[in-house]
């Protein structure tokens, strides 16, 4: 069985052989995994009041992990994808 140090060495060796663009993709993927793991291990979800107390940077970092699920919701949830209720609205604006 390989140890953590062995994995780090293999990853670093592979990373050094990649182009800067590919290295950026690896970085993005590892950030995604880190955030995904952090969400699954976090015991509680922040309340709106707790979220409001965070700095904007902290808030963005926290909310960033929820983006994939939100996108999926907007693509698959009928209540979010149906815009038939907008058909009843008058969208023409009259200017005087």
PDB file of N, CA and C in Angstrom:
ATOM      1  N   UNK A   1       0.842  -1.181   0.000  1.00  0.00           N
ATOM      2  CA  UNK A   1       0.000   0.000   0.000  1.00  0.00           C
ATOM      3  C   UNK A   1       0.888   1.244   0.000  1.00  0.00           C
ATOM      4  N   UNK A   2       0.516   2.239  -0.842  1.00  0.00           N
ATOM      5  CA  UNK A   2       1.317   3.447  -0.934  1.00  0.00           C
ATOM      6  C   UNK A   2       0.948   4.402   0.189  1.00  0.00           C
ATOM      7  N   UNK A   3       1.934   5.169   0.609  1.00  0.00           N
ATOM      8  CA  UNK A   3       1.696   6.142   1.658  1.00  0.00           C
ATOM      9  C   UNK A   3       1.367   7.493   1.051  1.00  0.00           C
ATOM     10  N   UNK A   4       0.991   8.431   1.905  1.00  0.00           N
ATOM     11  CA  UNK A   4       0.684   9.793   1.461  1.00  0.00           C
ATOM     12  C   UNK A   4       1.889  10.405   0.741  1.00  0.00           C
ATOM     13  N   UNK A   5       3.070  10.177   1.270  1.00  0.00           N
ATOM     14  CA  UNK A   5       4.275  10.742   0.668  1.00  0.00           C
ATOM     15  C   UNK A   5       4.476  10.194  -0.735  1.00  0.00           C
ATOM     16  N   UNK A   6       4.217   8.923  -0.943  1.00  0.00           N
ATOM     17  CA  UNK A   6       4.345   8.346  -2.279  1.00  0.00           C
ATOM     18  C   UNK A   6       3.375   9.007  -3.254  1.00  0.00           C
ATOM     19  N   UNK A   7       2.125   9.208  -2.833  1.00  0.00           N
ATOM     20  CA  UNK A   7       1.151   9.881  -3.693  1.00  0.00           C
ATOM     21  C   UNK A   7       1.609  11.293  -4.026  1.00  0.00           C
ATOM     22  N   UNK A   8       2.082  12.008  -3.050  1.00  0.00           N
ATOM     23  CA  UNK A   8       2.545  13.376  -3.290  1.00  0.00           C
ATOM     24  C   UNK A   8       3.679  13.390  -4.297  1.00  0.00           C
ATOM     25  N   UNK A   9       4.613  12.474  -4.169  1.00  0.00           N
ATOM     26  CA  UNK A   9       5.747  12.420  -5.098  1.00  0.00           C
ATOM     27  C   UNK A   9       5.286  12.097  -6.513  1.00  0.00           C
ATOM     28  N   UNK A  10       4.375  11.152  -6.635  1.00  0.00           N
ATOM     29  CA  UNK A  10       3.860  10.781  -7.959  1.00  0.00           C
ATOM     30  C   UNK A  10       3.111  11.958  -8.578  1.00  0.00           C
ATOM     31  N   UNK A  11       2.275  12.597  -7.784  1.00  0.00           N
ATOM     32  CA  UNK A  11       1.504  13.737  -8.288  1.00  0.00           C
ATOM     33  C   UNK A  11       2.433  14.875  -8.705  1.00  0.00           C
ATOM     34  N   UNK A  12       3.412  15.186  -7.874  1.00  0.00           N
ATOM     35  CA  UNK A  12       4.349  16.256  -8.219  1.00  0.00           C
ATOM     36  C   UNK A  12       5.140  15.930  -9.479  1.00  0.00           C
ATOM     37  N   UNK A  13       5.576  14.693  -9.601  1.00  0.00           N
ATOM     38  CA  UNK A  13       6.337  14.290 -10.788  1.00  0.00           C
ATOM     39  C   UNK A  13       5.462  14.439 -12.036  1.00  0.00           C
ATOM     40  N   UNK A  14       4.219  13.993 -11.949  1.00  0.00           N
ATOM     41  CA  UNK A  14       3.302  14.132 -13.083  1.00  0.00           C
ATOM     42  C   UNK A  14       2.974  15.591 -13.369  1.00  0.00           C
ATOM     43  N   UNK A  15       2.767  16.367 -12.326  1.00  0.00           N
ATOM     44  CA  UNK A  15       2.423  17.781 -12.473  1.00  0.00           C
ATOM     45  C   UNK A  15       3.523  18.558 -13.193  1.00  0.00           C
ATOM     46  N   UNK A  16       4.757  18.252 -12.875  1.00  0.00           N
ATOM     47  CA  UNK A  16       5.898  18.950 -13.501  1.00  0.00           C
ATOM     48  C   UNK A  16       5.999  18.676 -14.995  1.00  0.00           C
ATOM     49  N   UNK A  17       5.377  17.615 -15.461  1.00  0.00           N
ATOM     50  CA  UNK A  17       5.434  17.262 -16.881  1.00  0.00           C
ATOM     51  C   UNK A  17       4.304  17.897 -17.683  1.00  0.00           C
ATOM     52  N   UNK A  18       3.407  18.588 -17.006  1.00  0.00           N
ATOM     53  CA  UNK A  18       2.270  19.201 -17.678  1.00  0.00           C
ATOM     54  C   UNK A  18       2.551  20.644 -18.064  1.00  0.00           C
ATOM     55  N   UNK A  19       1.810  21.117 -19.049  1.00  0.00           N
ATOM     56  CA  UNK A  19       1.903  22.523 -19.446  1.00  0.00           C
ATOM     57  C   UNK A  19       1.254  23.386 -18.360  1.00  0.00           C
ATOM     58  N   UNK A  20       1.534  24.694 -18.358  1.00  0.00           N
ATOM     59  CA  UNK A  20       0.889  25.571 -17.374  1.00  0.00           C
ATOM     60  C   UNK A  20      -0.647  25.517 -17.436  1.00  0.00           C
ATOM     61  N   UNK A  21      -1.198  25.404 -18.617  1.00  0.00           N
ATOM     62  CA  UNK A  21      -2.652  25.309 -18.751  1.00  0.00           C
ATOM     63  C   UNK A  21      -3.170  24.031 -18.102  1.00  0.00           C
ATOM     64  N   UNK A  22      -2.480  22.928 -18.335  1.00  0.00           N
ATOM     65  CA  UNK A  22      -2.875  21.661 -17.736  1.00  0.00           C
ATOM     66  C   UNK A  22      -2.692  21.698 -16.216  1.00  0.00           C
ATOM     67  N   UNK A  23      -1.646  22.366 -15.753  1.00  0.00           N
ATOM     68  CA  UNK A  23      -1.431  22.510 -14.314  1.00  0.00           C
ATOM     69  C   UNK A  23      -2.573  23.292 -13.679  1.00  0.00           C
ATOM     70  N   UNK A  24      -3.068  24.313 -14.385  1.00  0.00           N
ATOM     71  CA  UNK A  24      -4.210  25.084 -13.888  1.00  0.00           C
ATOM     72  C   UNK A  24      -5.442  24.193 -13.767  1.00  0.00           C
ATOM     73  N   UNK A  25      -5.632  23.291 -14.739  1.00  0.00           N
ATOM     74  CA  UNK A  25      -6.762  22.364 -14.673  1.00  0.00           C
ATOM     75  C   UNK A  25      -6.634  21.440 -13.464  1.00  0.00           C
ATOM     76  N   UNK A  26      -5.426  20.987 -13.185  1.00  0.00           N
ATOM     77  CA  UNK A  26      -5.198  20.131 -12.018  1.00  0.00           C
ATOM     78  C   UNK A  26      -5.512  20.913 -10.751  1.00  0.00           C
ATOM     79  N   UNK A  27      -5.057  22.157 -10.691  1.00  0.00           N
ATOM     80  CA  UNK A  27      -5.341  23.003  -9.534  1.00  0.00           C
ATOM     81  C   UNK A  27      -6.843  23.182  -9.345  1.00  0.00           C
ATOM     82  N   UNK A  28      -7.557  23.470 -10.427  1.00  0.00           N
ATOM     83  CA  UNK A  28      -9.014  23.636 -10.352  1.00  0.00           C
ATOM     84  C   UNK A  28      -9.681  22.358  -9.831  1.00  0.00           C
ATOM     85  N   UNK A  29      -9.225  21.219 -10.320  1.00  0.00           N
ATOM     86  CA  UNK A  29      -9.812  19.953  -9.899  1.00  0.00           C
ATOM     87  C   UNK A  29      -9.530  19.674  -8.430  1.00  0.00           C
ATOM     88  N   UNK A  30      -8.312  19.937  -7.988  1.00  0.00           N
ATOM     89  CA  UNK A  30      -7.995  19.681  -6.580  1.00  0.00           C
ATOM     90  C   UNK A  30      -8.773  20.625  -5.670  1.00  0.00           C
ATOM     91  N   UNK A  31      -8.996  21.867  -6.100  1.00  0.00           N
ATOM     92  CA  UNK A  31      -9.827  22.800  -5.322  1.00  0.00           C
ATOM     93  C   UNK A  31     -11.259  22.281  -5.236  1.00  0.00           C
ATOM     94  N   UNK A  32     -11.766  21.780  -6.356  1.00  0.00           N
ATOM     95  CA  UNK A  32     -13.116  21.207  -6.369  1.00  0.00           C
ATOM     96  C   UNK A  32     -13.212  20.044  -5.376  1.00  0.00           C
ATOM     97  N   UNK A  33     -12.246  19.143  -5.411  1.00  0.00           N
ATOM     98  CA  UNK A  33     -12.257  18.000  -4.495  1.00  0.00           C
ATOM     99  C   UNK A  33     -12.153  18.444  -3.042  1.00  0.00           C
ATOM    100  N   UNK A  34     -11.290  19.416  -2.780  1.00  0.00           N
ATOM    101  CA  UNK A  34     -11.122  19.910  -1.419  1.00  0.00           C
ATOM    102  C   UNK A  34     -12.424  20.502  -0.893  1.00  0.00           C
ATOM    103  N   UNK A  35     -13.080  21.303  -1.714  1.00  0.00           N
ATOM    104  CA  UNK A  35     -14.335  21.927  -1.302  1.00  0.00           C
ATOM    105  C   UNK A  35     -15.445  20.895  -1.149  1.00  0.00           C
ATOM    106  N   UNK A  36     -15.478  19.940  -2.056  1.00  0.00           N
ATOM    107  CA  UNK A  36     -16.493  18.882  -1.968  1.00  0.00           C
ATOM    108  C   UNK A  36     -16.312  18.096  -0.674  1.00  0.00           C
ATOM    109  N   UNK A  37     -15.079  17.769  -0.336  1.00  0.00           N
ATOM    110  CA  UNK A  37     -14.807  17.027   0.888  1.00  0.00           C
ATOM    111  C   UNK A  37     -15.147  17.876   2.106  1.00  0.00           C
ATOM    112  N   UNK A  38     -14.833  19.165   2.034  1.00  0.00           N
ATOM    113  CA  UNK A  38     -15.124  20.058   3.160  1.00  0.00           C
ATOM    114  C   UNK A  38     -16.625  20.132   3.411  1.00  0.00           C
ATOM    115  N   UNK A  39     -17.425  20.157   2.348  1.00  0.00           N
ATOM    116  CA  UNK A  39     -18.873  20.211   2.511  1.00  0.00           C
ATOM    117  C   UNK A  39     -19.422  18.933   3.116  1.00  0.00           C
ATOM    118  N   UNK A  40     -18.875  17.790   2.712  1.00  0.00           N
ATOM    119  CA  UNK A  40     -19.399  16.531   3.222  1.00  0.00           C
ATOM    120  C   UNK A  40     -18.977  16.275   4.657  1.00  0.00           C
ATOM    121  N   UNK A  41     -17.897  16.926   5.095  1.00  0.00           N
ATOM    122  CA  UNK A  41     -17.440  16.710   6.459  1.00  0.00           C
ATOM    123  C   UNK A  41     -17.880  17.814   7.410  1.00  0.00           C
ATOM    124  N   UNK A  42     -18.442  18.875   6.877  1.00  0.00           N
ATOM    125  CA  UNK A  42     -18.918  19.962   7.729  1.00  0.00           C
ATOM    126  C   UNK A  42     -20.187  19.516   8.443  1.00  0.00           C
ATOM    127  N   UNK A  43     -20.188  19.662   9.738  1.00  0.00           N
ATOM    128  CA  UNK A  43     -21.323  19.184  10.530  1.00  0.00           C
ATOM    129  C   UNK A  43     -22.559  20.055  10.333  1.00  0.00           C
ATOM    130  N   UNK A  44     -22.365  21.350  10.116  1.00  0.00           N
ATOM    131  CA  UNK A  44     -23.526  22.217  10.000  1.00  0.00           C
ATOM    132  C   UNK A  44     -23.407  23.130   8.789  1.00  0.00           C
ATOM    133  N   UNK A  45     -24.542  23.574   8.340  1.00  0.00           N
ATOM    134  CA  UNK A  45     -24.610  24.530   7.252  1.00  0.00           C
ATOM    135  C   UNK A  45     -24.822  25.891   7.892  1.00  0.00           C
ATOM    136  N   UNK A  46     -24.170  26.886   7.361  1.00  0.00           N
ATOM    137  CA  UNK A  46     -24.291  28.221   7.940  1.00  0.00           C
ATOM    138  C   UNK A  46     -25.703  28.768   7.745  1.00  0.00           C
ATOM    139  N   UNK A  47     -26.187  29.449   8.761  1.00  0.00           N
ATOM    140  CA  UNK A  47     -27.473  30.129   8.643  1.00  0.00           C
ATOM    141  C   UNK A  47     -27.259  31.404   7.830  1.00  0.00           C
ATOM    142  N   UNK A  48     -28.341  32.028   7.416  1.00  0.00           N
ATOM    143  CA  UNK A  48     -28.223  33.281   6.673  1.00  0.00           C
ATOM    144  C   UNK A  48     -27.532  34.361   7.515  1.00  0.00           C
ATOM    145  N   UNK A  49     -27.814  34.373   8.811  1.00  0.00           N
ATOM    146  CA  UNK A  49     -27.176  35.351   9.697  1.00  0.00           C
ATOM    147  C   UNK A  49     -25.661  35.091   9.790  1.00  0.00           C
ATOM    148  N   UNK A  50     -25.290  33.820   9.910  1.00  0.00           N
ATOM    149  CA  UNK A  50     -23.855  33.483   9.963  1.00  0.00           C
ATOM    150  C   UNK A  50     -23.174  33.819   8.646  1.00  0.00           C
ATOM    151  N   UNK A  51     -23.843  33.534   7.555  1.00  0.00           N
ATOM    152  CA  UNK A  51     -23.302  33.833   6.236  1.00  0.00           C
ATOM    153  C   UNK A  51     -23.116  35.336   6.054  1.00  0.00           C
ATOM    154  N   UNK A  52     -24.069  36.122   6.531  1.00  0.00           N
ATOM    155  CA  UNK A  52     -23.991  37.579   6.414  1.00  0.00           C
ATOM    156  C   UNK A  52     -22.838  38.161   7.220  1.00  0.00           C
ATOM    157  N   UNK A  53     -22.424  37.476   8.275  1.00  0.00           N
ATOM    158  CA  UNK A  53     -21.327  37.966   9.115  1.00  0.00           C
ATOM    159  C   UNK A  53     -19.947  37.707   8.507  1.00  0.00           C
ATOM    160  N   UNK A  54     -19.887  36.835   7.499  1.00  0.00           N
ATOM    161  CA  UNK A  54     -18.605  36.542   6.858  1.00  0.00           C
ATOM    162  C   UNK A  54     -18.177  37.714   5.981  1.00  0.00           C
ATOM    163  N   UNK A  55     -16.887  37.818   5.757  1.00  0.00           N
ATOM    164  CA  UNK A  55     -16.413  38.812   4.791  1.00  0.00           C
ATOM    165  C   UNK A  55     -16.868  38.376   3.407  1.00  0.00           C
ATOM    166  N   UNK A  56     -16.854  39.289   2.475  1.00  0.00           N
ATOM    167  CA  UNK A  56     -17.303  38.955   1.115  1.00  0.00           C
ATOM    168  C   UNK A  56     -16.452  37.827   0.539  1.00  0.00           C
ATOM    169  N   UNK A  57     -15.150  37.868   0.751  1.00  0.00           N
ATOM    170  CA  UNK A  57     -14.265  36.815   0.239  1.00  0.00           C
ATOM    171  C   UNK A  57     -14.605  35.459   0.862  1.00  0.00           C
ATOM    172  N   UNK A  58     -14.840  35.443   2.172  1.00  0.00           N
ATOM    173  CA  UNK A  58     -15.202  34.193   2.851  1.00  0.00           C
ATOM    174  C   UNK A  58     -16.562  33.688   2.360  1.00  0.00           C
ATOM    175  N   UNK A  59     -17.478  34.614   2.175  1.00  0.00           N
ATOM    176  CA  UNK A  59     -18.815  34.265   1.701  1.00  0.00           C
ATOM    177  C   UNK A  59     -18.739  33.636   0.310  1.00  0.00           C
ATOM    178  N   UNK A  60     -17.965  34.258  -0.564  1.00  0.00           N
ATOM    179  CA  UNK A  60     -17.812  33.722  -1.917  1.00  0.00           C
ATOM    180  C   UNK A  60     -17.167  32.343  -1.888  1.00  0.00           C
ATOM    181  N   UNK A  61     -16.154  32.179  -1.060  1.00  0.00           N
ATOM    182  CA  UNK A  61     -15.481  30.888  -0.939  1.00  0.00           C
ATOM    183  C   UNK A  61     -16.462  29.823  -0.446  1.00  0.00           C
ATOM    184  N   UNK A  62     -17.266  30.153   0.537  1.00  0.00           N
ATOM    185  CA  UNK A  62     -18.238  29.211   1.093  1.00  0.00           C
ATOM    186  C   UNK A  62     -19.298  28.854   0.048  1.00  0.00           C
ATOM    187  N   UNK A  63     -19.837  29.858  -0.632  1.00  0.00           N
ATOM    188  CA  UNK A  63     -20.928  29.635  -1.570  1.00  0.00           C
ATOM    189  C   UNK A  63     -20.460  28.975  -2.866  1.00  0.00           C
ATOM    190  N   UNK A  64     -19.183  29.134  -3.184  1.00  0.00           N
ATOM    191  CA  UNK A  64     -18.634  28.562  -4.410  1.00  0.00           C
ATOM    192  C   UNK A  64     -18.861  27.054  -4.489  1.00  0.00           C
ATOM    193  N   UNK A  65     -18.817  26.399  -3.368  1.00  0.00           N
ATOM    194  CA  UNK A  65     -18.995  24.945  -3.343  1.00  0.00           C
ATOM    195  C   UNK A  65     -20.419  24.534  -3.706  1.00  0.00           C
ATOM    196  N   UNK A  66     -21.381  25.451  -3.593  1.00  0.00           N
ATOM    197  CA  UNK A  66     -22.772  25.131  -3.885  1.00  0.00           C
ATOM    198  C   UNK A  66     -23.148  25.375  -5.349  1.00  0.00           C
ATOM    199  N   UNK A  67     -22.260  25.963  -6.112  1.00  0.00           N
ATOM    200  CA  UNK A  67     -22.574  26.319  -7.502  1.00  0.00           C
ATOM    201  C   UNK A  67     -22.947  25.099  -8.346  1.00  0.00           C
ATOM    202  N   UNK A  68     -22.184  24.001  -8.322  1.00  0.00           N
ATOM    203  CA  UNK A  68     -22.565  22.859  -9.171  1.00  0.00           C
ATOM    204  C   UNK A  68     -23.975  22.339  -8.881  1.00  0.00           C
ATOM    205  N   UNK A  69     -24.353  22.250  -7.622  1.00  0.00           N
ATOM    206  CA  UNK A  69     -25.692  21.769  -7.276  1.00  0.00           C
ATOM    207  C   UNK A  69     -26.755  22.767  -7.725  1.00  0.00           C
ATOM    208  N   UNK A  70     -26.450  24.052  -7.618  1.00  0.00           N
ATOM    209  CA  UNK A  70     -27.396  25.081  -8.045  1.00  0.00           C
ATOM    210  C   UNK A  70     -27.603  25.026  -9.554  1.00  0.00           C
ATOM    211  N   UNK A  71     -26.517  24.867 -10.282  1.00  0.00           N
ATOM    212  CA  UNK A  71     -26.610  24.754 -11.745  1.00  0.00           C
ATOM    213  C   UNK A  71     -27.457  23.544 -12.103  1.00  0.00           C
ATOM    214  N   UNK A  72     -27.203  22.425 -11.444  1.00  0.00           N
ATOM    215  CA  UNK A  72     -27.984  21.217 -11.705  1.00  0.00           C
ATOM    216  C   UNK A  72     -29.461  21.457 -11.426  1.00  0.00           C
ATOM    217  N   UNK A  73     -29.760  22.151 -10.346  1.00  0.00           N
ATOM    218  CA  UNK A  73     -31.156  22.466 -10.029  1.00  0.00           C
ATOM    219  C   UNK A  73     -31.807  23.269 -11.154  1.00  0.00           C
ATOM    220  N   UNK A  74     -31.111  24.287 -11.641  1.00  0.00           N
ATOM    221  CA  UNK A  74     -31.678  25.135 -12.684  1.00  0.00           C
ATOM    222  C   UNK A  74     -31.828  24.383 -14.004  1.00  0.00           C
ATOM    223  N   UNK A  75     -31.026  23.345 -14.199  1.00  0.00           N
ATOM    224  CA  UNK A  75     -31.143  22.563 -15.423  1.00  0.00           C
ATOM    225  C   UNK A  75     -32.201  21.468 -15.334  1.00  0.00           C
ATOM    226  N   UNK A  76     -32.520  21.019 -14.135  1.00  0.00           N
ATOM    227  CA  UNK A  76     -33.389  19.842 -14.009  1.00  0.00           C
ATOM    228  C   UNK A  76     -34.694  20.070 -13.249  1.00  0.00           C
ATOM    229  N   UNK A  77     -34.781  21.075 -12.427  1.00  0.00           N
ATOM    230  CA  UNK A  77     -35.988  21.291 -11.623  1.00  0.00           C
ATOM    231  C   UNK A  77     -37.048  21.998 -12.466  1.00  0.00           C
ATOM    232  N   UNK A  78     -38.183  21.342 -12.682  1.00  0.00           N
ATOM    233  CA  UNK A  78     -39.224  21.950 -13.531  1.00  0.00           C
ATOM    234  C   UNK A  78     -39.687  23.318 -13.048  1.00  0.00           C
ATOM    235  N   UNK A  79     -39.734  23.518 -11.740  1.00  0.00           N
ATOM    236  CA  UNK A  79     -40.170  24.818 -11.229  1.00  0.00           C
ATOM    237  C   UNK A  79     -39.190  25.927 -11.601  1.00  0.00           C
ATOM    238  N   UNK A  80     -37.945  25.567 -11.812  1.00  0.00           N
ATOM    239  CA  UNK A  80     -36.947  26.570 -12.172  1.00  0.00           C
ATOM    240  C   UNK A  80     -36.743  26.673 -13.678  1.00  0.00           C
ATOM    241  N   UNK A  81     -37.146  25.641 -14.416  1.00  0.00           N
ATOM    242  CA  UNK A  81     -36.909  25.650 -15.864  1.00  0.00           C
ATOM    243  C   UNK A  81     -38.131  26.054 -16.668  1.00  0.00           C
ATOM    244  N   UNK A  82     -39.309  26.023 -16.060  1.00  0.00           N
ATOM    245  CA  UNK A  82     -40.512  26.417 -16.778  1.00  0.00           C
ATOM    246  C   UNK A  82     -40.737  27.916 -16.629  1.00  0.00           C
ATOM    247  N   UNK A  83     -40.910  28.559 -17.750  1.00  0.00           N
ATOM    248  CA  UNK A  83     -41.135  29.993 -17.722  1.00  0.00           C
ATOM    249  C   UNK A  83     -42.525  30.333 -18.255  1.00  0.00           C
ATOM    250  N   UNK A  84     -43.429  29.357 -18.198  1.00  0.00           N
ATOM    251  CA  UNK A  84     -44.774  29.583 -18.720  1.00  0.00           C
ATOM    252  C   UNK A  84     -45.492  30.681 -17.955  1.00  0.00           C
ATOM    253  N   UNK A  85     -45.160  30.848 -16.690  1.00  0.00           N
ATOM    254  CA  UNK A  85     -45.818  31.895 -15.913  1.00  0.00           C
ATOM    255  C   UNK A  85     -45.473  33.277 -16.438  1.00  0.00           C
ATOM    256  N   UNK A  86     -44.362  33.390 -17.150  1.00  0.00           N
ATOM    257  CA  UNK A  86     -43.987  34.680 -17.721  1.00  0.00           C
ATOM    258  C   UNK A  86     -44.842  35.023 -18.934  1.00  0.00           C
ATOM    259  N   UNK A  87     -45.522  34.024 -19.517  1.00  0.00           N
ATOM    260  CA  UNK A  87     -46.363  34.259 -20.680  1.00  0.00           C
ATOM    261  C   UNK A  87     -47.532  35.187 -20.372  1.00  0.00           C
ATOM    262  N   UNK A  88     -47.914  35.284 -19.120  1.00  0.00           N
ATOM    263  CA  UNK A  88     -49.041  36.117 -18.733  1.00  0.00           C
ATOM    264  C   UNK A  88     -48.648  37.578 -18.526  1.00  0.00           C
ATOM    265  N   UNK A  89     -47.393  37.840 -18.527  1.00  0.00           N
ATOM    266  CA  UNK A  89     -46.916  39.198 -18.279  1.00  0.00           C
ATOM    267  C   UNK A  89     -46.863  39.992 -19.586  1.00  0.00           C
ATOM    268  N   UNK A  90     -47.073  41.259 -19.469  1.00  0.00           N
ATOM    269  CA  UNK A  90     -46.944  42.154 -20.611  1.00  0.00           C
ATOM    270  C   UNK A  90     -45.524  42.708 -20.590  1.00  0.00           C
ATOM    271  N   UNK A  91     -44.726  42.242 -21.513  1.00  0.00           N
ATOM    272  CA  UNK A  91     -43.308  42.611 -21.525  1.00  0.00           C
ATOM    273  C   UNK A  91     -43.015  43.809 -22.411  1.00  0.00           C
ATOM    274  N   UNK A  92     -44.019  44.306 -23.082  1.00  0.00           N
ATOM    275  CA  UNK A  92     -43.792  45.473 -23.933  1.00  0.00           C
ATOM    276  C   UNK A  92     -43.862  46.726 -23.077  1.00  0.00           C
ATOM    277  N   UNK A  93     -42.860  47.553 -23.209  1.00  0.00           N
ATOM    278  CA  UNK A  93     -42.796  48.786 -22.428  1.00  0.00           C
ATOM    279  C   UNK A  93     -43.198  49.942 -23.353  1.00  0.00           C
ATOM    280  N   UNK A  94     -44.135  50.729 -22.884  1.00  0.00           N
ATOM    281  CA  UNK A  94     -44.563  51.881 -23.655  1.00  0.00           C
ATOM    282  C   UNK A  94     -43.842  53.125 -23.139  1.00  0.00           C
ATOM    283  N   UNK A  95     -43.240  53.828 -24.033  1.00  0.00           N
ATOM    284  CA  UNK A  95     -42.560  55.071 -23.680  1.00  0.00           C
ATOM    285  C   UNK A  95     -43.393  56.251 -24.137  1.00  0.00           C
ATOM    286  N   UNK A  96     -43.447  57.275 -23.315  1.00  0.00           N
ATOM    287  CA  UNK A  96     -44.215  58.477 -23.681  1.00  0.00           C
ATOM    288  C   UNK A  96     -43.407  59.411 -24.521  1.00  0.00           C
TER     289      UNK A  96
END
